[in-house]
Amino acid sequence: MNDLINDFVTQARQWGFICEADPQQGWQIFSTRDRTTWQLDQDRQKWILSIRGVPQISLNRAEAIKFLQLRRNSLSLLFSLGLSFLGK
């Protein structure tokens, strides 16, 4: 596996995203909450973002990382807000 792809998948896993290798198509990265909402599919050195199974846009590595950062931050924010509503 290419080092850049390996680093990308490692980072996604560290952030808690679901990462699966497909021998035919490469890597797939899914939302931590609902695998049907969105996914990133490896296409050589690019990533295809699909929403509810429909391909939307091709992202380079930096754009895909930014997408995951935004998803991670929004989940963290929702989680912290949920805990504050519960009084914790």
PDB file of N, CA and C in Angstrom:
ATOM      1  N   MET A   1       0.847  -1.179   0.000  1.00  0.00           N
ATOM      2  CA  MET A   1       0.000   0.000   0.000  1.00  0.00           C
ATOM      3  C   MET A   1       0.891   1.239   0.000  1.00  0.00           C
ATOM      4  N   ASN A   2       0.496   2.228  -0.756  1.00  0.00           N
ATOM      5  CA  ASN A   2       1.195   3.489  -0.826  1.00  0.00           C
ATOM      6  C   ASN A   2       1.270   4.131   0.569  1.00  0.00           C
ATOM      7  N   ASP A   3       2.422   4.726   0.899  1.00  0.00           N
ATOM      8  CA  ASP A   3       2.598   5.328   2.225  1.00  0.00           C
ATOM      9  C   ASP A   3       1.581   6.432   2.506  1.00  0.00           C
ATOM     10  N   LEU A   4       1.262   7.254   1.495  1.00  0.00           N
ATOM     11  CA  LEU A   4       0.274   8.323   1.692  1.00  0.00           C
ATOM     12  C   LEU A   4      -1.101   7.752   1.995  1.00  0.00           C
ATOM     13  N   ILE A   5      -1.471   6.698   1.286  1.00  0.00           N
ATOM     14  CA  ILE A   5      -2.758   6.045   1.546  1.00  0.00           C
ATOM     15  C   ILE A   5      -2.739   5.418   2.934  1.00  0.00           C
ATOM     16  N   ASN A   6      -1.649   4.748   3.281  1.00  0.00           N
ATOM     17  CA  ASN A   6      -1.508   4.123   4.588  1.00  0.00           C
ATOM     18  C   ASN A   6      -1.633   5.163   5.705  1.00  0.00           C
ATOM     19  N   ASP A   7      -0.949   6.296   5.560  1.00  0.00           N
ATOM     20  CA  ASP A   7      -1.034   7.366   6.564  1.00  0.00           C
ATOM     21  C   ASP A   7      -2.459   7.897   6.682  1.00  0.00           C
ATOM     22  N   PHE A   8      -3.119   8.056   5.541  1.00  0.00           N
ATOM     23  CA  PHE A   8      -4.488   8.567   5.532  1.00  0.00           C
ATOM     24  C   PHE A   8      -5.426   7.614   6.271  1.00  0.00           C
ATOM     25  N   VAL A   9      -5.342   6.336   5.957  1.00  0.00           N
ATOM     26  CA  VAL A   9      -6.210   5.338   6.589  1.00  0.00           C
ATOM     27  C   VAL A   9      -5.896   5.232   8.083  1.00  0.00           C
ATOM     28  N   THR A  10      -4.631   5.289   8.433  1.00  0.00           N
ATOM     29  CA  THR A  10      -4.240   5.255   9.849  1.00  0.00           C
ATOM     30  C   THR A  10      -4.854   6.427  10.603  1.00  0.00           C
ATOM     31  N   GLN A  11      -4.794   7.622  10.016  1.00  0.00           N
ATOM     32  CA  GLN A  11      -5.382   8.803  10.663  1.00  0.00           C
ATOM     33  C   GLN A  11      -6.886   8.644  10.807  1.00  0.00           C
ATOM     34  N   ALA A  12      -7.540   8.170   9.757  1.00  0.00           N
ATOM     35  CA  ALA A  12      -8.993   7.974   9.821  1.00  0.00           C
ATOM     36  C   ALA A  12      -9.361   6.994  10.937  1.00  0.00           C
ATOM     37  N   ARG A  13      -8.598   5.926  11.060  1.00  0.00           N
ATOM     38  CA  ARG A  13      -8.855   4.951  12.137  1.00  0.00           C
ATOM     39  C   ARG A  13      -8.648   5.579  13.508  1.00  0.00           C
ATOM     40  N   GLN A  14      -7.602   6.372  13.660  1.00  0.00           N
ATOM     41  CA  GLN A  14      -7.334   7.022  14.945  1.00  0.00           C
ATOM     42  C   GLN A  14      -8.469   7.960  15.335  1.00  0.00           C
ATOM     43  N   TRP A  15      -9.101   8.548  14.355  1.00  0.00           N
ATOM     44  CA  TRP A  15     -10.234   9.433  14.611  1.00  0.00           C
ATOM     45  C   TRP A  15     -11.529   8.664  14.830  1.00  0.00           C
ATOM     46  N   GLY A  16     -11.492   7.342  14.686  1.00  0.00           N
ATOM     47  CA  GLY A  16     -12.650   6.514  14.988  1.00  0.00           C
ATOM     48  C   GLY A  16     -13.521   6.142  13.806  1.00  0.00           C
ATOM     49  N   PHE A  17     -13.099   6.464  12.595  1.00  0.00           N
ATOM     50  CA  PHE A  17     -13.881   6.089  11.428  1.00  0.00           C
ATOM     51  C   PHE A  17     -13.675   4.613  11.100  1.00  0.00           C
ATOM     52  N   ILE A  18     -14.652   4.027  10.450  1.00  0.00           N
ATOM     53  CA  ILE A  18     -14.591   2.630  10.050  1.00  0.00           C
ATOM     54  C   ILE A  18     -13.847   2.544   8.721  1.00  0.00           C
ATOM     55  N   CYS A  19     -12.777   1.773   8.681  1.00  0.00           N
ATOM     56  CA  CYS A  19     -11.952   1.630   7.475  1.00  0.00           C
ATOM     57  C   CYS A  19     -11.901   0.165   7.078  1.00  0.00           C
ATOM     58  N   GLU A  20     -12.244  -0.105   5.833  1.00  0.00           N
ATOM     59  CA  GLU A  20     -12.231  -1.480   5.333  1.00  0.00           C
ATOM     60  C   GLU A  20     -11.472  -1.530   4.015  1.00  0.00           C
ATOM     61  N   ALA A  21     -10.667  -2.569   3.864  1.00  0.00           N
ATOM     62  CA  ALA A  21      -9.919  -2.777   2.620  1.00  0.00           C
ATOM     63  C   ALA A  21     -10.696  -3.702   1.703  1.00  0.00           C
ATOM     64  N   ASP A  22     -10.819  -3.315   0.457  1.00  0.00           N
ATOM     65  CA  ASP A  22     -11.431  -4.144  -0.570  1.00  0.00           C
ATOM     66  C   ASP A  22     -10.340  -4.467  -1.583  1.00  0.00           C
ATOM     67  N   PRO A  23      -9.976  -5.748  -1.741  1.00  0.00           N
ATOM     68  CA  PRO A  23      -8.872  -6.105  -2.636  1.00  0.00           C
ATOM     69  C   PRO A  23      -9.073  -5.625  -4.075  1.00  0.00           C
ATOM     70  N   GLN A  24     -10.301  -5.517  -4.515  1.00  0.00           N
ATOM     71  CA  GLN A  24     -10.601  -5.088  -5.875  1.00  0.00           C
ATOM     72  C   GLN A  24     -10.601  -3.566  -6.033  1.00  0.00           C
ATOM     73  N   GLN A  25     -11.094  -2.865  -5.010  1.00  0.00           N
ATOM     74  CA  GLN A  25     -11.331  -1.428  -5.159  1.00  0.00           C
ATOM     75  C   GLN A  25     -10.475  -0.546  -4.257  1.00  0.00           C
ATOM     76  N   GLY A  26      -9.744  -1.096  -3.326  1.00  0.00           N
ATOM     77  CA  GLY A  26      -8.970  -0.282  -2.393  1.00  0.00           C
ATOM     78  C   GLY A  26      -9.714  -0.066  -1.091  1.00  0.00           C
ATOM     79  N   TRP A  27      -9.457   1.042  -0.462  1.00  0.00           N
ATOM     80  CA  TRP A  27     -10.020   1.330   0.855  1.00  0.00           C
ATOM     81  C   TRP A  27     -11.377   2.003   0.770  1.00  0.00           C
ATOM     82  N   GLN A  28     -12.194   1.743   1.789  1.00  0.00           N
ATOM     83  CA  GLN A  28     -13.461   2.430   1.984  1.00  0.00           C
ATOM     84  C   GLN A  28     -13.475   2.930   3.424  1.00  0.00           C
ATOM     85  N   ILE A  29     -13.921   4.160   3.604  1.00  0.00           N
ATOM     86  CA  ILE A  29     -14.014   4.763   4.938  1.00  0.00           C
ATOM     87  C   ILE A  29     -15.457   5.194   5.140  1.00  0.00           C
ATOM     88  N   PHE A  30     -16.001   4.822   6.302  1.00  0.00           N
ATOM     89  CA  PHE A  30     -17.413   5.072   6.591  1.00  0.00           C
ATOM     90  C   PHE A  30     -17.572   5.934   7.836  1.00  0.00           C
ATOM     91  N   SER A  31     -18.742   6.526   7.929  1.00  0.00           N
ATOM     92  CA  SER A  31     -19.132   7.279   9.118  1.00  0.00           C
ATOM     93  C   SER A  31     -19.105   6.358  10.341  1.00  0.00           C
ATOM     94  N   THR A  32     -18.819   6.934  11.479  1.00  0.00           N
ATOM     95  CA  THR A  32     -18.803   6.156  12.721  1.00  0.00           C
ATOM     96  C   THR A  32     -20.207   5.834  13.214  1.00  0.00           C
ATOM     97  N   ARG A  33     -21.180   6.595  12.774  1.00  0.00           N
ATOM     98  CA  ARG A  33     -22.528   6.417  13.296  1.00  0.00           C
ATOM     99  C   ARG A  33     -23.428   5.607  12.375  1.00  0.00           C
ATOM    100  N   ASP A  34     -23.391   5.893  11.090  1.00  0.00           N
ATOM    101  CA  ASP A  34     -24.296   5.238  10.155  1.00  0.00           C
ATOM    102  C   ASP A  34     -23.568   5.030   8.839  1.00  0.00           C
ATOM    103  N   ARG A  35     -23.277   3.796   8.523  1.00  0.00           N
ATOM    104  CA  ARG A  35     -22.493   3.486   7.325  1.00  0.00           C
ATOM    105  C   ARG A  35     -23.198   3.881   6.034  1.00  0.00           C
ATOM    106  N   THR A  36     -24.514   4.098   6.068  1.00  0.00           N
ATOM    107  CA  THR A  36     -25.235   4.431   4.848  1.00  0.00           C
ATOM    108  C   THR A  36     -25.269   5.931   4.565  1.00  0.00           C
ATOM    109  N   THR A  37     -24.885   6.760   5.512  1.00  0.00           N
ATOM    110  CA  THR A  37     -24.959   8.211   5.321  1.00  0.00           C
ATOM    111  C   THR A  37     -23.945   8.692   4.292  1.00  0.00           C
ATOM    112  N   TRP A  38     -22.681   8.366   4.504  1.00  0.00           N
ATOM    113  CA  TRP A  38     -21.625   8.760   3.563  1.00  0.00           C
ATOM    114  C   TRP A  38     -20.502   7.742   3.615  1.00  0.00           C
ATOM    115  N   GLN A  39     -19.692   7.754   2.558  1.00  0.00           N
ATOM    116  CA  GLN A  39     -18.485   6.938   2.548  1.00  0.00           C
ATOM    117  C   GLN A  39     -17.477   7.548   1.593  1.00  0.00           C
ATOM    118  N   LEU A  40     -16.208   7.289   1.871  1.00  0.00           N
ATOM    119  CA  LEU A  40     -15.109   7.658   0.984  1.00  0.00           C
ATOM    120  C   LEU A  40     -14.556   6.380   0.382  1.00  0.00           C
ATOM    121  N   ASP A  41     -14.446   6.355  -0.939  1.00  0.00           N
ATOM    122  CA  ASP A  41     -13.902   5.201  -1.645  1.00  0.00           C
ATOM    123  C   ASP A  41     -12.597   5.602  -2.310  1.00  0.00           C
ATOM    124  N   GLN A  42     -11.553   4.806  -2.092  1.00  0.00           N
ATOM    125  CA  GLN A  42     -10.260   5.073  -2.714  1.00  0.00           C
ATOM    126  C   GLN A  42     -10.351   4.858  -4.225  1.00  0.00           C
ATOM    127  N   ASP A  43      -9.830   5.817  -4.956  1.00  0.00           N
ATOM    128  CA  ASP A  43      -9.716   5.710  -6.411  1.00  0.00           C
ATOM    129  C   ASP A  43      -8.294   6.134  -6.768  1.00  0.00           C
ATOM    130  N   ARG A  44      -7.382   5.176  -6.693  1.00  0.00           N
ATOM    131  CA  ARG A  44      -5.942   5.408  -6.839  1.00  0.00           C
ATOM    132  C   ARG A  44      -5.476   6.373  -5.755  1.00  0.00           C
ATOM    133  N   GLN A  45      -5.072   7.593  -6.119  1.00  0.00           N
ATOM    134  CA  GLN A  45      -4.612   8.571  -5.128  1.00  0.00           C
ATOM    135  C   GLN A  45      -5.714   9.553  -4.731  1.00  0.00           C
ATOM    136  N   LYS A  46      -6.917   9.353  -5.221  1.00  0.00           N
ATOM    137  CA  LYS A  46      -8.058  10.229  -4.922  1.00  0.00           C
ATOM    138  C   LYS A  46      -9.072   9.477  -4.067  1.00  0.00           C
ATOM    139  N   TRP A  47     -10.052  10.206  -3.585  1.00  0.00           N
ATOM    140  CA  TRP A  47     -11.138   9.633  -2.797  1.00  0.00           C
ATOM    141  C   TRP A  47     -12.455  10.133  -3.367  1.00  0.00           C
ATOM    142  N   ILE A  48     -13.406   9.218  -3.546  1.00  0.00           N
ATOM    143  CA  ILE A  48     -14.735   9.564  -4.047  1.00  0.00           C
ATOM    144  C   ILE A  48     -15.679   9.614  -2.846  1.00  0.00           C
ATOM    145  N   LEU A  49     -16.289  10.773  -2.636  1.00  0.00           N
ATOM    146  CA  LEU A  49     -17.272  10.928  -1.567  1.00  0.00           C
ATOM    147  C   LEU A  49     -18.645  10.581  -2.111  1.00  0.00           C
ATOM    148  N   SER A  50     -19.287   9.602  -1.474  1.00  0.00           N
ATOM    149  CA  SER A  50     -20.648   9.205  -1.837  1.00  0.00           C
ATOM    150  C   SER A  50     -21.570   9.516  -0.670  1.00  0.00           C
ATOM    151  N   ILE A  51     -22.716  10.090  -0.980  1.00  0.00           N
ATOM    152  CA  ILE A  51     -23.740  10.375   0.024  1.00  0.00           C
ATOM    153  C   ILE A  51     -24.920   9.465  -0.275  1.00  0.00           C
ATOM    154  N   ARG A  52     -25.267   8.655   0.707  1.00  0.00           N
ATOM    155  CA  ARG A  52     -26.361   7.678   0.569  1.00  0.00           C
ATOM    156  C   ARG A  52     -26.223   6.852  -0.711  1.00  0.00           C
ATOM    157  N   GLY A  53     -24.961   6.443  -0.991  1.00  0.00           N
ATOM    158  CA  GLY A  53     -24.688   5.552  -2.104  1.00  0.00           C
ATOM    159  C   GLY A  53     -24.522   6.223  -3.461  1.00  0.00           C
ATOM    160  N   VAL A  54     -24.652   7.545  -3.520  1.00  0.00           N
ATOM    161  CA  VAL A  54     -24.539   8.261  -4.789  1.00  0.00           C
ATOM    162  C   VAL A  54     -23.219   9.039  -4.806  1.00  0.00           C
ATOM    163  N   PRO A  55     -22.310   8.718  -5.740  1.00  0.00           N
ATOM    164  CA  PRO A  55     -21.043   9.451  -5.822  1.00  0.00           C
ATOM    165  C   PRO A  55     -21.299  10.937  -6.064  1.00  0.00           C
ATOM    166  N   GLN A  56     -20.579  11.781  -5.288  1.00  0.00           N
ATOM    167  CA  GLN A  56     -20.808  13.223  -5.355  1.00  0.00           C
ATOM    168  C   GLN A  56     -19.621  14.002  -5.905  1.00  0.00           C
ATOM    169  N   ILE A  57     -18.408  13.684  -5.389  1.00  0.00           N
ATOM    170  CA  ILE A  57     -17.246  14.500  -5.731  1.00  0.00           C
ATOM    171  C   ILE A  57     -15.969  13.692  -5.519  1.00  0.00           C
ATOM    172  N   SER A  58     -14.966  14.025  -6.320  1.00  0.00           N
ATOM    173  CA  SER A  58     -13.640  13.418  -6.161  1.00  0.00           C
ATOM    174  C   SER A  58     -12.784  14.365  -5.332  1.00  0.00           C
ATOM    175  N   LEU A  59     -12.171  13.837  -4.291  1.00  0.00           N
ATOM    176  CA  LEU A  59     -11.355  14.646  -3.385  1.00  0.00           C
ATOM    177  C   LEU A  59      -9.896  14.204  -3.443  1.00  0.00           C
ATOM    178  N   ASN A  60      -8.984  15.164  -3.366  1.00  0.00           N
ATOM    179  CA  ASN A  60      -7.586  14.785  -3.195  1.00  0.00           C
ATOM    180  C   ASN A  60      -7.366  14.464  -1.722  1.00  0.00           C
ATOM    181  N   ARG A  61      -6.176  14.035  -1.373  1.00  0.00           N
ATOM    182  CA  ARG A  61      -5.891  13.600   0.000  1.00  0.00           C
ATOM    183  C   ARG A  61      -6.175  14.707   1.016  1.00  0.00           C
ATOM    184  N   ALA A  62      -5.698  15.928   0.737  1.00  0.00           N
ATOM    185  CA  ALA A  62      -5.892  17.044   1.678  1.00  0.00           C
ATOM    186  C   ALA A  62      -7.375  17.363   1.868  1.00  0.00           C
ATOM    187  N   GLU A  63      -8.136  17.337   0.785  1.00  0.00           N
ATOM    188  CA  GLU A  63      -9.577  17.603   0.883  1.00  0.00           C
ATOM    189  C   GLU A  63     -10.290  16.499   1.656  1.00  0.00           C
ATOM    190  N   ALA A  64      -9.883  15.257   1.443  1.00  0.00           N
ATOM    191  CA  ALA A  64     -10.502  14.139   2.153  1.00  0.00           C
ATOM    192  C   ALA A  64     -10.193  14.207   3.651  1.00  0.00           C
ATOM    193  N   ILE A  65      -8.957  14.584   3.996  1.00  0.00           N
ATOM    194  CA  ILE A  65      -8.605  14.743   5.409  1.00  0.00           C
ATOM    195  C   ILE A  65      -9.442  15.851   6.035  1.00  0.00           C
ATOM    196  N   LYS A  66      -9.594  16.959   5.320  1.00  0.00           N
ATOM    197  CA  LYS A  66     -10.405  18.072   5.841  1.00  0.00           C
ATOM    198  C   LYS A  66     -11.853  17.624   6.045  1.00  0.00           C
ATOM    199  N   PHE A  67     -12.376  16.853   5.104  1.00  0.00           N
ATOM    200  CA  PHE A  67     -13.736  16.324   5.247  1.00  0.00           C
ATOM    201  C   PHE A  67     -13.855  15.499   6.529  1.00  0.00           C
ATOM    202  N   LEU A  68     -12.891  14.599   6.745  1.00  0.00           N
ATOM    203  CA  LEU A  68     -12.928  13.768   7.955  1.00  0.00           C
ATOM    204  C   LEU A  68     -12.769  14.608   9.219  1.00  0.00           C
ATOM    205  N   GLN A  69     -11.916  15.630   9.172  1.00  0.00           N
ATOM    206  CA  GLN A  69     -11.756  16.514  10.329  1.00  0.00           C
ATOM    207  C   GLN A  69     -13.074  17.193  10.674  1.00  0.00           C
ATOM    208  N   LEU A  70     -13.764  17.688   9.659  1.00  0.00           N
ATOM    209  CA  LEU A  70     -15.050  18.347   9.893  1.00  0.00           C
ATOM    210  C   LEU A  70     -16.080  17.378  10.458  1.00  0.00           C
ATOM    211  N   ARG A  71     -16.111  16.157   9.922  1.00  0.00           N
ATOM    212  CA  ARG A  71     -17.042  15.145  10.442  1.00  0.00           C
ATOM    213  C   ARG A  71     -16.702  14.814  11.891  1.00  0.00           C
ATOM    214  N   ARG A  72     -15.421  14.645  12.163  1.00  0.00           N
ATOM    215  CA  ARG A  72     -14.971  14.312  13.517  1.00  0.00           C
ATOM    216  C   ARG A  72     -15.322  15.427  14.488  1.00  0.00           C
ATOM    217  N   ASN A  73     -15.054  16.662  14.097  1.00  0.00           N
ATOM    218  CA  ASN A  73     -15.341  17.802  14.973  1.00  0.00           C
ATOM    219  C   ASN A  73     -16.832  17.968  15.206  1.00  0.00           C
ATOM    220  N   SER A  74     -17.646  17.748  14.186  1.00  0.00           N
ATOM    221  CA  SER A  74     -19.092  17.899  14.369  1.00  0.00           C
ATOM    222  C   SER A  74     -19.632  16.808  15.298  1.00  0.00           C
ATOM    223  N   LEU A  75     -19.089  15.585  15.195  1.00  0.00           N
ATOM    224  CA  LEU A  75     -19.514  14.521  16.104  1.00  0.00           C
ATOM    225  C   LEU A  75     -19.076  14.815  17.533  1.00  0.00           C
ATOM    226  N   SER A  76     -17.869  15.344  17.691  1.00  0.00           N
ATOM    227  CA  SER A  76     -17.383  15.680  19.028  1.00  0.00           C
ATOM    228  C   SER A  76     -18.246  16.770  19.652  1.00  0.00           C
ATOM    229  N   LEU A  77     -18.611  17.766  18.838  1.00  0.00           N
ATOM    230  CA  LEU A  77     -19.447  18.851  19.332  1.00  0.00           C
ATOM    231  C   LEU A  77     -20.820  18.325  19.738  1.00  0.00           C
ATOM    232  N   LEU A  78     -21.430  17.500  18.893  1.00  0.00           N
ATOM    233  CA  LEU A  78     -22.741  16.949  19.231  1.00  0.00           C
ATOM    234  C   LEU A  78     -22.675  16.094  20.490  1.00  0.00           C
ATOM    235  N   PHE A  79     -21.609  15.308  20.617  1.00  0.00           N
ATOM    236  CA  PHE A  79     -21.454  14.464  21.794  1.00  0.00           C
ATOM    237  C   PHE A  79     -21.326  15.320  23.057  1.00  0.00           C
ATOM    238  N   SER A  80     -20.509  16.375  23.003  1.00  0.00           N
ATOM    239  CA  SER A  80     -20.322  17.225  24.182  1.00  0.00           C
ATOM    240  C   SER A  80     -21.604  17.978  24.514  1.00  0.00           C
ATOM    241  N   LEU A  81     -22.345  18.413  23.500  1.00  0.00           N
ATOM    242  CA  LEU A  81     -23.624  19.071  23.749  1.00  0.00           C
ATOM    243  C   LEU A  81     -24.607  18.103  24.371  1.00  0.00           C
ATOM    244  N   GLY A  82     -24.619  16.879  23.896  1.00  0.00           N
ATOM    245  CA  GLY A  82     -25.509  15.873  24.457  1.00  0.00           C
ATOM    246  C   GLY A  82     -25.221  15.611  25.921  1.00  0.00           C
ATOM    247  N   LEU A  83     -23.952  15.544  26.276  1.00  0.00           N
ATOM    248  CA  LEU A  83     -23.579  15.334  27.675  1.00  0.00           C
ATOM    249  C   LEU A  83     -23.959  16.539  28.529  1.00  0.00           C
ATOM    250  N   SER A  84     -23.829  17.748  27.981  1.00  0.00           N
ATOM    251  CA  SER A  84     -24.168  18.927  28.786  1.00  0.00           C
ATOM    252  C   SER A  84     -25.681  18.971  29.028  1.00  0.00           C
ATOM    253  N   PHE A  85     -26.480  18.497  28.062  1.00  0.00           N
ATOM    254  CA  PHE A  85     -27.911  18.448  28.271  1.00  0.00           C
ATOM    255  C   PHE A  85     -28.299  17.425  29.337  1.00  0.00           C
ATOM    256  N   LEU A  86     -27.468  16.400  29.476  1.00  0.00           N
ATOM    257  CA  LEU A  86     -27.754  15.376  30.469  1.00  0.00           C
ATOM    258  C   LEU A  86     -27.203  15.760  31.845  1.00  0.00           C
ATOM    259  N   GLY A  87     -26.560  16.917  31.937  1.00  0.00           N
ATOM    260  CA  GLY A  87     -26.022  17.377  33.203  1.00  0.00           C
ATOM    261  C   GLY A  87     -24.715  16.746  33.570  1.00  0.00           C
ATOM    262  N   LYS A  88     -23.961  16.230  32.603  1.00  0.00           N
ATOM    263  CA  LYS A  88     -22.684  15.597  32.894  1.00  0.00           C
ATOM    264  C   LYS A  88     -21.553  16.471  32.412  1.00  0.00           C
TER     265      LYS A  88
END
